[in-house]
Amino acid sequence: PQNFPLIQCPPNPPIYLLFFTLGPRSVDAFKEVDQDADKVLTRTEVKEHLKLSYEKGGKVHDDLYYEKILDDIFYKSDRDKDGMISAKEYNIYEHDEL
């Protein structure tokens, strides 16, 4: 265990960070993105999810913006480079950070 510095938020009492972990991602979040329930995420599904999320926040972007994000997501998450992100690659069942 590492020691983390004390962070004070005056006038409140001190807040201590004891520890944090990077655990598996949510099964529910995966299912929300997996529109056809085939247990893999395609670029189209992820792009549609991104667009909806940004639009909910009042931010609309062009396709190039989303393609750059998709490239990064699939570069980091599509470990077998088959063009889809499986449940395992999404990190539902593993505890490794993507």
PDB file of N, CA and C in Angstrom:
ATOM      1  N   PRO A   1       0.825  -1.201   0.000  1.00  0.00           N
ATOM      2  CA  PRO A   1       0.000   0.000   0.000  1.00  0.00           C
ATOM      3  C   PRO A   1       0.857   1.249   0.000  1.00  0.00           C
ATOM      4  N   GLN A   2       0.457   2.213  -0.827  1.00  0.00           N
ATOM      5  CA  GLN A   2       1.153   3.487  -0.881  1.00  0.00           C
ATOM      6  C   GLN A   2       0.493   4.470   0.066  1.00  0.00           C
ATOM      7  N   ASN A   3       1.286   5.397   0.550  1.00  0.00           N
ATOM      8  CA  ASN A   3       0.733   6.475   1.357  1.00  0.00           C
ATOM      9  C   ASN A   3       0.343   7.616   0.433  1.00  0.00           C
ATOM     10  N   PHE A   4      -0.877   8.107   0.576  1.00  0.00           N
ATOM     11  CA  PHE A   4      -1.348   9.211  -0.228  1.00  0.00           C
ATOM     12  C   PHE A   4      -1.432  10.447   0.652  1.00  0.00           C
ATOM     13  N   PRO A   5      -1.201  11.608   0.059  1.00  0.00           N
ATOM     14  CA  PRO A   5      -1.232  12.835   0.857  1.00  0.00           C
ATOM     15  C   PRO A   5      -2.644  13.145   1.342  1.00  0.00           C
ATOM     16  N   LEU A   6      -2.705  13.792   2.470  1.00  0.00           N
ATOM     17  CA  LEU A   6      -3.962  14.243   3.049  1.00  0.00           C
ATOM     18  C   LEU A   6      -4.461  15.427   2.231  1.00  0.00           C
ATOM     19  N   ILE A   7      -5.728  15.380   1.847  1.00  0.00           N
ATOM     20  CA  ILE A   7      -6.325  16.475   1.099  1.00  0.00           C
ATOM     21  C   ILE A   7      -7.384  17.109   1.983  1.00  0.00           C
ATOM     22  N   GLN A   8      -7.220  18.387   2.287  1.00  0.00           N
ATOM     23  CA  GLN A   8      -8.196  19.078   3.126  1.00  0.00           C
ATOM     24  C   GLN A   8      -9.070  19.975   2.263  1.00  0.00           C
ATOM     25  N   CYS A   9     -10.338  19.984   2.581  1.00  0.00           N
ATOM     26  CA  CYS A   9     -11.313  20.813   1.882  1.00  0.00           C
ATOM     27  C   CYS A   9     -11.943  21.748   2.897  1.00  0.00           C
ATOM     28  N   PRO A  10     -11.270  22.844   3.252  1.00  0.00           N
ATOM     29  CA  PRO A  10     -11.814  23.747   4.259  1.00  0.00           C
ATOM     30  C   PRO A  10     -13.208  24.208   3.880  1.00  0.00           C
ATOM     31  N   PRO A  11     -14.091  24.403   4.815  1.00  0.00           N
ATOM     32  CA  PRO A  11     -13.978  24.212   6.250  1.00  0.00           C
ATOM     33  C   PRO A  11     -14.349  22.794   6.678  1.00  0.00           C
ATOM     34  N   ASN A  12     -14.457  21.880   5.736  1.00  0.00           N
ATOM     35  CA  ASN A  12     -14.833  20.500   6.061  1.00  0.00           C
ATOM     36  C   ASN A  12     -13.671  19.749   6.695  1.00  0.00           C
ATOM     37  N   PRO A  13     -13.971  18.670   7.391  1.00  0.00           N
ATOM     38  CA  PRO A  13     -12.888  17.856   7.954  1.00  0.00           C
ATOM     39  C   PRO A  13     -12.073  17.200   6.837  1.00  0.00           C
ATOM     40  N   PRO A  14     -10.885  16.720   7.142  1.00  0.00           N
ATOM     41  CA  PRO A  14     -10.032  16.118   6.112  1.00  0.00           C
ATOM     42  C   PRO A  14     -10.686  14.878   5.488  1.00  0.00           C
ATOM     43  N   ILE A  15     -10.359  14.663   4.228  1.00  0.00           N
ATOM     44  CA  ILE A  15     -10.826  13.483   3.503  1.00  0.00           C
ATOM     45  C   ILE A  15      -9.603  12.633   3.216  1.00  0.00           C
ATOM     46  N   TYR A  16      -9.679  11.340   3.539  1.00  0.00           N
ATOM     47  CA  TYR A  16      -8.562  10.438   3.327  1.00  0.00           C
ATOM     48  C   TYR A  16      -8.896   9.454   2.208  1.00  0.00           C
ATOM     49  N   LEU A  17      -7.974   9.312   1.276  1.00  0.00           N
ATOM     50  CA  LEU A  17      -8.115   8.294   0.251  1.00  0.00           C
ATOM     51  C   LEU A  17      -7.409   7.059   0.764  1.00  0.00           C
ATOM     52  N   LEU A  18      -8.180   6.043   1.108  1.00  0.00           N
ATOM     53  CA  LEU A  18      -7.579   4.832   1.651  1.00  0.00           C
ATOM     54  C   LEU A  18      -7.010   3.955   0.557  1.00  0.00           C
ATOM     55  N   PHE A  19      -7.788   3.713  -0.487  1.00  0.00           N
ATOM     56  CA  PHE A  19      -7.311   2.953  -1.635  1.00  0.00           C
ATOM     57  C   PHE A  19      -8.344   3.024  -2.736  1.00  0.00           C
ATOM     58  N   PHE A  20      -7.917   2.682  -3.924  1.00  0.00           N
ATOM     59  CA  PHE A  20      -8.862   2.515  -5.013  1.00  0.00           C
ATOM     60  C   PHE A  20      -8.358   1.389  -5.886  1.00  0.00           C
ATOM     61  N   THR A  21      -9.272   0.773  -6.596  1.00  0.00           N
ATOM     62  CA  THR A  21      -8.898  -0.310  -7.493  1.00  0.00           C
ATOM     63  C   THR A  21      -9.566  -0.096  -8.839  1.00  0.00           C
ATOM     64  N   LEU A  22      -8.967  -0.665  -9.852  1.00  0.00           N
ATOM     65  CA  LEU A  22      -9.556  -0.660 -11.176  1.00  0.00           C
ATOM     66  C   LEU A  22     -10.145  -2.041 -11.403  1.00  0.00           C
ATOM     67  N   GLY A  23     -11.435  -2.150 -11.276  1.00  0.00           N
ATOM     68  CA  GLY A  23     -12.089  -3.440 -11.412  1.00  0.00           C
ATOM     69  C   GLY A  23     -12.706  -3.613 -12.779  1.00  0.00           C
ATOM     70  N   PRO A  24     -13.470  -4.643 -12.930  1.00  0.00           N
ATOM     71  CA  PRO A  24     -14.095  -4.908 -14.223  1.00  0.00           C
ATOM     72  C   PRO A  24     -15.146  -3.862 -14.558  1.00  0.00           C
ATOM     73  N   ARG A  25     -15.350  -3.661 -15.834  1.00  0.00           N
ATOM     74  CA  ARG A  25     -16.382  -2.737 -16.275  1.00  0.00           C
ATOM     75  C   ARG A  25     -17.747  -3.374 -16.104  1.00  0.00           C
ATOM     76  N   SER A  26     -18.764  -2.583 -16.180  1.00  0.00           N
ATOM     77  CA  SER A  26     -20.123  -3.006 -15.929  1.00  0.00           C
ATOM     78  C   SER A  26     -20.708  -3.862 -17.054  1.00  0.00           C
ATOM     79  N   VAL A  27     -21.326  -4.966 -16.676  1.00  0.00           N
ATOM     80  CA  VAL A  27     -22.038  -5.825 -17.622  1.00  0.00           C
ATOM     81  C   VAL A  27     -23.200  -5.037 -18.219  1.00  0.00           C
ATOM     82  N   ASP A  28     -23.869  -4.247 -17.396  1.00  0.00           N
ATOM     83  CA  ASP A  28     -25.005  -3.459 -17.883  1.00  0.00           C
ATOM     84  C   ASP A  28     -24.578  -2.449 -18.943  1.00  0.00           C
ATOM     85  N   ALA A  29     -23.432  -1.825 -18.750  1.00  0.00           N
ATOM     86  CA  ALA A  29     -22.939  -0.855 -19.736  1.00  0.00           C
ATOM     87  C   ALA A  29     -22.645  -1.561 -21.058  1.00  0.00           C
ATOM     88  N   PHE A  30     -22.050  -2.745 -20.992  1.00  0.00           N
ATOM     89  CA  PHE A  30     -21.764  -3.516 -22.202  1.00  0.00           C
ATOM     90  C   PHE A  30     -23.060  -3.836 -22.937  1.00  0.00           C
ATOM     91  N   LYS A  31     -24.064  -4.293 -22.194  1.00  0.00           N
ATOM     92  CA  LYS A  31     -25.353  -4.649 -22.807  1.00  0.00           C
ATOM     93  C   LYS A  31     -26.023  -3.442 -23.437  1.00  0.00           C
ATOM     94  N   GLU A  32     -25.858  -2.279 -22.815  1.00  0.00           N
ATOM     95  CA  GLU A  32     -26.456  -1.056 -23.356  1.00  0.00           C
ATOM     96  C   GLU A  32     -25.871  -0.705 -24.720  1.00  0.00           C
ATOM     97  N   VAL A  33     -24.572  -0.900 -24.881  1.00  0.00           N
ATOM     98  CA  VAL A  33     -23.900  -0.584 -26.144  1.00  0.00           C
ATOM     99  C   VAL A  33     -24.151  -1.682 -27.176  1.00  0.00           C
ATOM    100  N   ASP A  34     -24.237  -2.923 -26.732  1.00  0.00           N
ATOM    101  CA  ASP A  34     -24.424  -4.087 -27.615  1.00  0.00           C
ATOM    102  C   ASP A  34     -25.887  -4.166 -28.070  1.00  0.00           C
ATOM    103  N   GLN A  35     -26.233  -3.358 -29.070  1.00  0.00           N
ATOM    104  CA  GLN A  35     -27.620  -3.204 -29.495  1.00  0.00           C
ATOM    105  C   GLN A  35     -28.265  -4.488 -30.003  1.00  0.00           C
ATOM    106  N   ASP A  36     -27.501  -5.354 -30.654  1.00  0.00           N
ATOM    107  CA  ASP A  36     -28.092  -6.578 -31.194  1.00  0.00           C
ATOM    108  C   ASP A  36     -27.875  -7.800 -30.288  1.00  0.00           C
ATOM    109  N   ALA A  37     -27.332  -7.572 -29.108  1.00  0.00           N
ATOM    110  CA  ALA A  37     -27.144  -8.618 -28.089  1.00  0.00           C
ATOM    111  C   ALA A  37     -26.356  -9.826 -28.593  1.00  0.00           C
ATOM    112  N   ASP A  38     -25.363  -9.578 -29.458  1.00  0.00           N
ATOM    113  CA  ASP A  38     -24.540 -10.687 -29.962  1.00  0.00           C
ATOM    114  C   ASP A  38     -23.246 -10.872 -29.168  1.00  0.00           C
ATOM    115  N   LYS A  39     -23.122 -10.154 -28.070  1.00  0.00           N
ATOM    116  CA  LYS A  39     -21.999 -10.265 -27.134  1.00  0.00           C
ATOM    117  C   LYS A  39     -20.672  -9.771 -27.696  1.00  0.00           C
ATOM    118  N   VAL A  40     -20.735  -8.929 -28.721  1.00  0.00           N
ATOM    119  CA  VAL A  40     -19.559  -8.211 -29.219  1.00  0.00           C
ATOM    120  C   VAL A  40     -19.994  -6.801 -29.570  1.00  0.00           C
ATOM    121  N   LEU A  41     -19.056  -5.860 -29.433  1.00  0.00           N
ATOM    122  CA  LEU A  41     -19.329  -4.471 -29.778  1.00  0.00           C
ATOM    123  C   LEU A  41     -18.655  -4.159 -31.103  1.00  0.00           C
ATOM    124  N   THR A  42     -19.448  -3.667 -32.054  1.00  0.00           N
ATOM    125  CA  THR A  42     -18.909  -3.256 -33.342  1.00  0.00           C
ATOM    126  C   THR A  42     -18.618  -1.758 -33.298  1.00  0.00           C
ATOM    127  N   ARG A  43     -17.868  -1.297 -34.283  1.00  0.00           N
ATOM    128  CA  ARG A  43     -17.590   0.134 -34.369  1.00  0.00           C
ATOM    129  C   ARG A  43     -18.886   0.922 -34.492  1.00  0.00           C
ATOM    130  N   THR A  44     -19.839   0.389 -35.238  1.00  0.00           N
ATOM    131  CA  THR A  44     -21.119   1.076 -35.420  1.00  0.00           C
ATOM    132  C   THR A  44     -21.857   1.219 -34.098  1.00  0.00           C
ATOM    133  N   GLU A  45     -21.888   0.147 -33.303  1.00  0.00           N
ATOM    134  CA  GLU A  45     -22.578   0.198 -32.006  1.00  0.00           C
ATOM    135  C   GLU A  45     -21.908   1.191 -31.066  1.00  0.00           C
ATOM    136  N   VAL A  46     -20.592   1.151 -31.024  1.00  0.00           N
ATOM    137  CA  VAL A  46     -19.864   2.058 -30.132  1.00  0.00           C
ATOM    138  C   VAL A  46     -20.036   3.506 -30.595  1.00  0.00           C
ATOM    139  N   LYS A  47     -19.991   3.729 -31.907  1.00  0.00           N
ATOM    140  CA  LYS A  47     -20.160   5.076 -32.445  1.00  0.00           C
ATOM    141  C   LYS A  47     -21.545   5.623 -32.115  1.00  0.00           C
ATOM    142  N   GLU A  48     -22.574   4.814 -32.302  1.00  0.00           N
ATOM    143  CA  GLU A  48     -23.937   5.259 -31.990  1.00  0.00           C
ATOM    144  C   GLU A  48     -24.070   5.599 -30.505  1.00  0.00           C
ATOM    145  N   HIS A  49     -23.456   4.782 -29.661  1.00  0.00           N
ATOM    146  CA  HIS A  49     -23.497   5.039 -28.217  1.00  0.00           C
ATOM    147  C   HIS A  49     -22.786   6.353 -27.883  1.00  0.00           C
ATOM    148  N   LEU A  50     -21.626   6.564 -28.492  1.00  0.00           N
ATOM    149  CA  LEU A  50     -20.882   7.809 -28.268  1.00  0.00           C
ATOM    150  C   LEU A  50     -21.711   9.015 -28.697  1.00  0.00           C
ATOM    151  N   LYS A  51     -22.289   8.937 -29.892  1.00  0.00           N
ATOM    152  CA  LYS A  51     -23.084  10.053 -30.409  1.00  0.00           C
ATOM    153  C   LYS A  51     -24.242  10.384 -29.463  1.00  0.00           C
ATOM    154  N   LEU A  52     -24.954   9.349 -29.034  1.00  0.00           N
ATOM    155  CA  LEU A  52     -26.079   9.575 -28.122  1.00  0.00           C
ATOM    156  C   LEU A  52     -25.620  10.194 -26.810  1.00  0.00           C
ATOM    157  N   SER A  53     -24.500   9.708 -26.293  1.00  0.00           N
ATOM    158  CA  SER A  53     -23.973  10.240 -25.030  1.00  0.00           C
ATOM    159  C   SER A  53     -23.600  11.711 -25.164  1.00  0.00           C
ATOM    160  N   TYR A  54     -22.906  12.058 -26.244  1.00  0.00           N
ATOM    161  CA  TYR A  54     -22.516  13.454 -26.446  1.00  0.00           C
ATOM    162  C   TYR A  54     -23.734  14.328 -26.686  1.00  0.00           C
ATOM    163  N   GLU A  55     -24.699  13.831 -27.476  1.00  0.00           N
ATOM    164  CA  GLU A  55     -25.889  14.622 -27.772  1.00  0.00           C
ATOM    165  C   GLU A  55     -26.725  14.865 -26.519  1.00  0.00           C
ATOM    166  N   LYS A  56     -26.763  13.874 -25.613  1.00  0.00           N
ATOM    167  CA  LYS A  56     -27.467  14.072 -24.336  1.00  0.00           C
ATOM    168  C   LYS A  56     -26.860  15.229 -23.566  1.00  0.00           C
ATOM    169  N   GLY A  57     -25.550  15.370 -23.666  1.00  0.00           N
ATOM    170  CA  GLY A  57     -24.854  16.453 -22.984  1.00  0.00           C
ATOM    171  C   GLY A  57     -24.879  17.767 -23.749  1.00  0.00           C
ATOM    172  N   GLY A  58     -25.603  17.775 -24.877  1.00  0.00           N
ATOM    173  CA  GLY A  58     -25.716  18.996 -25.656  1.00  0.00           C
ATOM    174  C   GLY A  58     -24.545  19.267 -26.582  1.00  0.00           C
ATOM    175  N   LYS A  59     -23.711  18.263 -26.814  1.00  0.00           N
ATOM    176  CA  LYS A  59     -22.543  18.441 -27.669  1.00  0.00           C
ATOM    177  C   LYS A  59     -22.687  17.576 -28.915  1.00  0.00           C
ATOM    178  N   VAL A  60     -22.632  18.214 -30.061  1.00  0.00           N
ATOM    179  CA  VAL A  60     -22.718  17.506 -31.328  1.00  0.00           C
ATOM    180  C   VAL A  60     -21.392  17.683 -32.058  1.00  0.00           C
ATOM    181  N   HIS A  61     -20.852  16.581 -32.573  1.00  0.00           N
ATOM    182  CA  HIS A  61     -19.567  16.620 -33.273  1.00  0.00           C
ATOM    183  C   HIS A  61     -19.716  15.975 -34.641  1.00  0.00           C
ATOM    184  N   ASP A  62     -18.749  16.248 -35.511  1.00  0.00           N
ATOM    185  CA  ASP A  62     -18.771  15.624 -36.832  1.00  0.00           C
ATOM    186  C   ASP A  62     -18.229  14.196 -36.755  1.00  0.00           C
ATOM    187  N   ASP A  63     -18.405  13.451 -37.846  1.00  0.00           N
ATOM    188  CA  ASP A  63     -17.997  12.047 -37.867  1.00  0.00           C
ATOM    189  C   ASP A  63     -16.498  11.864 -37.632  1.00  0.00           C
ATOM    190  N   LEU A  64     -15.686  12.777 -38.108  1.00  0.00           N
ATOM    191  CA  LEU A  64     -14.238  12.669 -37.913  1.00  0.00           C
ATOM    192  C   LEU A  64     -13.883  12.645 -36.427  1.00  0.00           C
ATOM    193  N   TYR A  65     -14.569  13.432 -35.638  1.00  0.00           N
ATOM    194  CA  TYR A  65     -14.352  13.462 -34.194  1.00  0.00           C
ATOM    195  C   TYR A  65     -14.603  12.076 -33.586  1.00  0.00           C
ATOM    196  N   TYR A  66     -15.739  11.473 -33.945  1.00  0.00           N
ATOM    197  CA  TYR A  66     -16.085  10.152 -33.408  1.00  0.00           C
ATOM    198  C   TYR A  66     -15.134   9.074 -33.931  1.00  0.00           C
ATOM    199  N   GLU A  67     -14.711   9.194 -35.173  1.00  0.00           N
ATOM    200  CA  GLU A  67     -13.788   8.198 -35.742  1.00  0.00           C
ATOM    201  C   GLU A  67     -12.456   8.196 -34.999  1.00  0.00           C
ATOM    202  N   LYS A  68     -11.984   9.357 -34.595  1.00  0.00           N
ATOM    203  CA  LYS A  68     -10.737   9.433 -33.826  1.00  0.00           C
ATOM    204  C   LYS A  68     -10.900   8.740 -32.471  1.00  0.00           C
ATOM    205  N   ILE A  69     -12.035   8.959 -31.832  1.00  0.00           N
ATOM    206  CA  ILE A  69     -12.295   8.309 -30.550  1.00  0.00           C
ATOM    207  C   ILE A  69     -12.404   6.800 -30.745  1.00  0.00           C
ATOM    208  N   LEU A  70     -13.119   6.387 -31.792  1.00  0.00           N
ATOM    209  CA  LEU A  70     -13.270   4.955 -32.087  1.00  0.00           C
ATOM    210  C   LEU A  70     -11.917   4.299 -32.346  1.00  0.00           C
ATOM    211  N   ASP A  71     -11.066   4.976 -33.120  1.00  0.00           N
ATOM    212  CA  ASP A  71      -9.731   4.431 -33.389  1.00  0.00           C
ATOM    213  C   ASP A  71      -8.988   4.159 -32.084  1.00  0.00           C
ATOM    214  N   ASP A  72      -9.069   5.100 -31.156  1.00  0.00           N
ATOM    215  CA  ASP A  72      -8.392   4.946 -29.873  1.00  0.00           C
ATOM    216  C   ASP A  72      -9.002   3.811 -29.050  1.00  0.00           C
ATOM    217  N   ILE A  73     -10.329   3.769 -28.990  1.00  0.00           N
ATOM    218  CA  ILE A  73     -11.014   2.721 -28.221  1.00  0.00           C
ATOM    219  C   ILE A  73     -10.657   1.343 -28.765  1.00  0.00           C
ATOM    220  N   PHE A  74     -10.741   1.181 -30.090  1.00  0.00           N
ATOM    221  CA  PHE A  74     -10.475  -0.128 -30.669  1.00  0.00           C
ATOM    222  C   PHE A  74      -8.994  -0.483 -30.632  1.00  0.00           C
ATOM    223  N   TYR A  75      -8.119   0.502 -30.714  1.00  0.00           N
ATOM    224  CA  TYR A  75      -6.684   0.246 -30.586  1.00  0.00           C
ATOM    225  C   TYR A  75      -6.370  -0.330 -29.202  1.00  0.00           C
ATOM    226  N   LYS A  76      -6.996   0.236 -28.176  1.00  0.00           N
ATOM    227  CA  LYS A  76      -6.727  -0.186 -26.802  1.00  0.00           C
ATOM    228  C   LYS A  76      -7.502  -1.436 -26.387  1.00  0.00           C
ATOM    229  N   SER A  77      -8.694  -1.625 -26.938  1.00  0.00           N
ATOM    230  CA  SER A  77      -9.573  -2.673 -26.428  1.00  0.00           C
ATOM    231  C   SER A  77      -9.672  -3.917 -27.297  1.00  0.00           C
ATOM    232  N   ASP A  78      -9.540  -3.771 -28.595  1.00  0.00           N
ATOM    233  CA  ASP A  78      -9.680  -4.911 -29.513  1.00  0.00           C
ATOM    234  C   ASP A  78      -8.358  -5.671 -29.575  1.00  0.00           C
ATOM    235  N   ARG A  79      -8.133  -6.481 -28.578  1.00  0.00           N
ATOM    236  CA  ARG A  79      -6.834  -7.151 -28.430  1.00  0.00           C
ATOM    237  C   ARG A  79      -6.523  -8.127 -29.544  1.00  0.00           C
ATOM    238  N   ASP A  80      -7.542  -8.818 -30.059  1.00  0.00           N
ATOM    239  CA  ASP A  80      -7.269  -9.788 -31.128  1.00  0.00           C
ATOM    240  C   ASP A  80      -7.404  -9.165 -32.518  1.00  0.00           C
ATOM    241  N   LYS A  81      -7.677  -7.877 -32.573  1.00  0.00           N
ATOM    242  CA  LYS A  81      -7.732  -7.084 -33.809  1.00  0.00           C
ATOM    243  C   LYS A  81      -8.689  -7.667 -34.850  1.00  0.00           C
ATOM    244  N   ASP A  82      -9.850  -8.150 -34.378  1.00  0.00           N
ATOM    245  CA  ASP A  82     -10.857  -8.685 -35.304  1.00  0.00           C
ATOM    246  C   ASP A  82     -11.920  -7.643 -35.662  1.00  0.00           C
ATOM    247  N   GLY A  83     -11.738  -6.412 -35.181  1.00  0.00           N
ATOM    248  CA  GLY A  83     -12.675  -5.341 -35.501  1.00  0.00           C
ATOM    249  C   GLY A  83     -13.874  -5.273 -34.585  1.00  0.00           C
ATOM    250  N   MET A  84     -13.889  -6.103 -33.552  1.00  0.00           N
ATOM    251  CA  MET A  84     -14.980  -6.106 -32.573  1.00  0.00           C
ATOM    252  C   MET A  84     -14.386  -6.186 -31.170  1.00  0.00           C
ATOM    253  N   ILE A  85     -15.146  -5.728 -30.197  1.00  0.00           N
ATOM    254  CA  ILE A  85     -14.719  -5.821 -28.802  1.00  0.00           C
ATOM    255  C   ILE A  85     -15.617  -6.836 -28.115  1.00  0.00           C
ATOM    256  N   SER A  86     -15.027  -7.945 -27.709  1.00  0.00           N
ATOM    257  CA  SER A  86     -15.781  -8.989 -27.019  1.00  0.00           C
ATOM    258  C   SER A  86     -15.994  -8.600 -25.563  1.00  0.00           C
ATOM    259  N   ALA A  87     -16.841  -9.358 -24.880  1.00  0.00           N
ATOM    260  CA  ALA A  87     -17.072  -9.110 -23.454  1.00  0.00           C
ATOM    261  C   ALA A  87     -15.765  -9.215 -22.681  1.00  0.00           C
ATOM    262  N   LYS A  88     -14.940 -10.184 -23.035  1.00  0.00           N
ATOM    263  CA  LYS A  88     -13.656 -10.349 -22.332  1.00  0.00           C
ATOM    264  C   LYS A  88     -12.738  -9.157 -22.603  1.00  0.00           C
ATOM    265  N   GLU A  89     -12.686  -8.723 -23.844  1.00  0.00           N
ATOM    266  CA  GLU A  89     -11.845  -7.573 -24.182  1.00  0.00           C
ATOM    267  C   GLU A  89     -12.376  -6.304 -23.516  1.00  0.00           C
ATOM    268  N   TYR A  90     -13.670  -6.225 -23.352  1.00  0.00           N
ATOM    269  CA  TYR A  90     -14.287  -5.071 -22.699  1.00  0.00           C
ATOM    270  C   TYR A  90     -13.922  -5.011 -21.225  1.00  0.00           C
ATOM    271  N   ASN A  91     -13.411  -6.110 -20.708  1.00  0.00           N
ATOM    272  CA  ASN A  91     -12.911  -6.170 -19.340  1.00  0.00           C
ATOM    273  C   ASN A  91     -14.015  -6.451 -18.322  1.00  0.00           C
ATOM    274  N   ILE A  92     -15.020  -7.186 -18.729  1.00  0.00           N
ATOM    275  CA  ILE A  92     -16.048  -7.587 -17.766  1.00  0.00           C
ATOM    276  C   ILE A  92     -15.527  -8.665 -16.841  1.00  0.00           C
ATOM    277  N   TYR A  93     -14.807  -9.617 -17.415  1.00  0.00           N
ATOM    278  CA  TYR A  93     -14.385 -10.774 -16.633  1.00  0.00           C
ATOM    279  C   TYR A  93     -12.960 -10.677 -16.134  1.00  0.00           C
ATOM    280  N   GLU A  94     -12.190  -9.725 -16.643  1.00  0.00           N
ATOM    281  CA  GLU A  94     -10.799  -9.568 -16.211  1.00  0.00           C
ATOM    282  C   GLU A  94     -10.695  -8.397 -15.250  1.00  0.00           C
ATOM    283  N   HIS A  95      -9.568  -8.336 -14.558  1.00  0.00           N
ATOM    284  CA  HIS A  95      -9.336  -7.219 -13.640  1.00  0.00           C
ATOM    285  C   HIS A  95      -8.194  -6.355 -14.117  1.00  0.00           C
ATOM    286  N   ASP A  96      -7.684  -6.584 -15.306  1.00  0.00           N
ATOM    287  CA  ASP A  96      -6.613  -5.764 -15.850  1.00  0.00           C
ATOM    288  C   ASP A  96      -7.191  -4.498 -16.437  1.00  0.00           C
ATOM    289  N   GLU A  97      -6.442  -3.423 -16.348  1.00  0.00           N
ATOM    290  CA  GLU A  97      -6.850  -2.183 -16.983  1.00  0.00           C
ATOM    291  C   GLU A  97      -6.646  -2.330 -18.471  1.00  0.00           C
ATOM    292  N   LEU A  98      -7.576  -1.803 -19.245  1.00  0.00           N
ATOM    293  CA  LEU A  98      -7.455  -1.894 -20.706  1.00  0.00           C
ATOM    294  C   LEU A  98      -6.325  -1.043 -21.204  1.00  0.00           C
TER     295      LEU A  98
END
